[in-house]
C-alpha atoms as a PDB file:
ATOM      1  CA  MET A   1      -3.207  -0.534  14.801  1.00  0.00           C
ATOM      2  CA  LYS A   2       0.487  -1.252  15.029  1.00  0.00           C
ATOM      3  CA  ASP A   3       2.465  -1.837  11.829  1.00  0.00           C
ATOM      4  CA  ASP A   4       3.430  -5.368  12.885  1.00  0.00           C
ATOM      5  CA  GLU A   5      -0.096  -6.254  13.969  1.00  0.00           C
ATOM      6  CA  GLY A   6      -2.326  -8.331  11.706  1.00  0.00           C
ATOM      7  CA  VAL A   7      -5.835  -7.369  10.652  1.00  0.00           C
ATOM      8  CA  ASP A   8      -7.277 -10.298  12.635  1.00  0.00           C
ATOM      9  CA  GLN A   9      -5.581  -9.215  15.842  1.00  0.00           C
ATOM     10  CA  TYR A  10      -6.698  -5.637  15.479  1.00  0.00           C
ATOM     11  CA  ALA A  11     -10.260  -6.578  14.541  1.00  0.00           C
ATOM     12  CA  SER A  12     -10.397  -8.687  17.695  1.00  0.00           C
ATOM     13  CA  LYS A  13      -9.429  -5.648  19.763  1.00  0.00           C
ATOM     14  CA  ILE A  14     -12.226  -3.613  18.208  1.00  0.00           C
ATOM     15  CA  SER A  15     -14.708  -6.446  18.816  1.00  0.00           C
ATOM     16  CA  VAL A  16     -13.679  -6.650  22.473  1.00  0.00           C
ATOM     17  CA  MET A  17     -14.068  -2.878  22.730  1.00  0.00           C
ATOM     18  CA  SER A  18     -17.587  -3.208  21.324  1.00  0.00           C
ATOM     19  CA  VAL A  19     -18.505  -5.844  23.915  1.00  0.00           C
ATOM     20  CA  LYS A  20     -17.125  -3.735  26.766  1.00  0.00           C
ATOM     21  CA  TYR A  21     -19.024  -0.724  25.453  1.00  0.00           C
ATOM     22  CA  GLY A  22     -22.192  -2.814  25.335  1.00  0.00           C
ATOM     23  CA  ASN A  23     -21.656  -3.953  28.907  1.00  0.00           C
ATOM     24  CA  LEU A  24     -21.667  -0.295  29.924  1.00  0.00           C
ATOM     25  CA  GLY A  25     -25.047   0.195  28.265  1.00  0.00           C
ATOM     26  CA  GLY A  26     -23.893   1.678  24.970  1.00  0.00           C
ATOM     27  CA  ILE A  27     -24.303   0.415  21.454  1.00  0.00           C
ATOM     28  CA  LEU A  28     -21.399   0.236  19.050  1.00  0.00           C
ATOM     29  CA  ASP A  29     -22.930  -0.791  15.739  1.00  0.00           C
ATOM     30  CA  ASP A  30     -21.234  -2.052  12.573  1.00  0.00           C
ATOM     31  CA  GLN A  31     -21.104   1.433  11.087  1.00  0.00           C
ATOM     32  CA  ALA A  32     -19.163   2.799  14.075  1.00  0.00           C
ATOM     33  CA  MET A  33     -16.856  -0.216  14.180  1.00  0.00           C
ATOM     34  CA  VAL A  34     -16.077   0.026  10.456  1.00  0.00           C
ATOM     35  CA  LYS A  35     -15.333   3.740  10.843  1.00  0.00           C
ATOM     36  CA  LYS A  36     -13.019   3.009  13.780  1.00  0.00           C
ATOM     37  CA  LEU A  37     -11.269   0.289  11.785  1.00  0.00           C
ATOM     38  CA  PHE A  38     -10.781   2.403   8.669  1.00  0.00           C
ATOM     39  CA  ASP A  39      -9.684   5.485  10.615  1.00  0.00           C
ATOM     40  CA  THR A  40      -6.985   3.631  12.534  1.00  0.00           C
ATOM     41  CA  VAL A  41      -5.339   1.229  10.075  1.00  0.00           C
ATOM     42  CA  PRO A  42      -1.768   1.990   8.942  1.00  0.00           C
ATOM     43  CA  ASP A  43      -1.099   3.892   5.727  1.00  0.00           C
ATOM     44  CA  LYS A  44      -0.286   0.674   3.854  1.00  0.00           C
ATOM     45  CA  TYR A  45      -4.048  -0.040   3.807  1.00  0.00           C
ATOM     46  CA  ILE A  46      -5.075   3.420   2.554  1.00  0.00           C
ATOM     47  CA  THR A  47      -5.624   2.286  -1.043  1.00  0.00           C
ATOM     48  CA  VAL A  48      -7.898  -0.605  -0.112  1.00  0.00           C
ATOM     49  CA  VAL A  49      -9.801   1.549   2.400  1.00  0.00           C
ATOM     50  CA  ALA A  50     -10.301   4.206  -0.273  1.00  0.00           C
ATOM     51  CA  GLY A  51     -11.588   1.561  -2.696  1.00  0.00           C
ATOM     52  CA  ILE A  52     -14.017   0.154  -0.152  1.00  0.00           C
ATOM     53  CA  GLU A  53     -15.262   3.634   0.713  1.00  0.00           C
ATOM     54  CA  GLN A  54     -15.782   4.393  -2.967  1.00  0.00           C
ATOM     55  CA  PHE A  55     -17.650   1.227  -3.935  1.00  0.00           C
ATOM     56  CA  PHE A  56     -19.590   0.281  -0.791  1.00  0.00           C
ATOM     57  CA  ASP A  57     -22.241   1.982   1.282  1.00  0.00           C
ATOM     58  CA  LEU A  58     -20.472   2.276   4.625  1.00  0.00           C
ATOM     59  CA  LYS A  59     -23.809   2.628   6.405  1.00  0.00           C
ATOM     60  CA  LYS A  60     -24.660  -0.925   5.330  1.00  0.00           C
ATOM     61  CA  LEU A  61     -21.191  -2.507   5.382  1.00  0.00           C
ATOM     62  CA  VAL A  62     -20.932  -5.215   8.038  1.00  0.00           C
ATOM     63  CA  PHE A  63     -17.821  -5.109  10.238  1.00  0.00           C
ATOM     64  CA  GLU A  64     -16.858  -8.696   9.385  1.00  0.00           C
ATOM     65  CA  GLU A  65     -17.028  -7.923   5.658  1.00  0.00           C
ATOM     66  CA  ALA A  66     -14.761  -4.898   6.080  1.00  0.00           C
ATOM     67  CA  VAL A  67     -12.290  -7.020   8.051  1.00  0.00           C
ATOM     68  CA  GLY A  68     -12.443  -9.734   5.397  1.00  0.00           C
ATOM     69  CA  ARG A  69     -11.631  -7.294   2.638  1.00  0.00           C
ATOM     70  CA  LEU A  70      -8.652  -5.915   4.572  1.00  0.00           C
ATOM     71  CA  LYS A  71      -7.476  -9.467   5.298  1.00  0.00           C
ATOM     72  CA  ALA A  72      -7.694 -10.357   1.607  1.00  0.00           C
ATOM     73  CA  PHE A  73      -5.526  -7.349   0.800  1.00  0.00           C
ATOM     74  CA  GLU A  74      -3.069  -8.249   3.574  1.00  0.00           C
ATOM     75  CA  GLU A  75      -2.776 -11.835   2.321  1.00  0.00           C
ATOM     76  CA  ARG A  76      -2.329 -10.697  -1.277  1.00  0.00           C
ATOM     77  CA  VAL A  77       0.486  -8.337  -0.277  1.00  0.00           C
ATOM     78  CA  GLN A  78       2.168 -11.129   1.704  1.00  0.00           C
ATOM     79  CA  ARG A  79       1.979 -13.501  -1.279  1.00  0.00           C
ATOM     80  CA  GLY A  80       3.373 -10.817  -3.547  1.00  0.00           C
ATOM     81  CA  ALA A  81       6.255 -10.209  -1.152  1.00  0.00           C
ATOM     82  CA  GLY A  82       7.197 -13.899  -1.250  1.00  0.00           C
ATOM     83  CA  GLY A  83       5.575 -14.737   2.072  1.00  0.00           C
ATOM     84  CA  ALA A  84       3.288 -17.698   2.862  1.00  0.00           C
END
């Protein structure tokens, strides 16, 4: 994920990757997609990722929920910085 890229944009890339992987006969489940997301986000998300990892069972966490939690953090930071 690039520093200037939003969570939505990056999540879309991972979703497209999952579809392409499926078209090749593989299965990229929520657990793998969440791991990919958390392993590749910029350092500014490290605190929220650590919190999610601590309080949620990553084997059961749905990709969309993980994205939603990162988006909530992103929006909160933007509001705090005087944006939107």
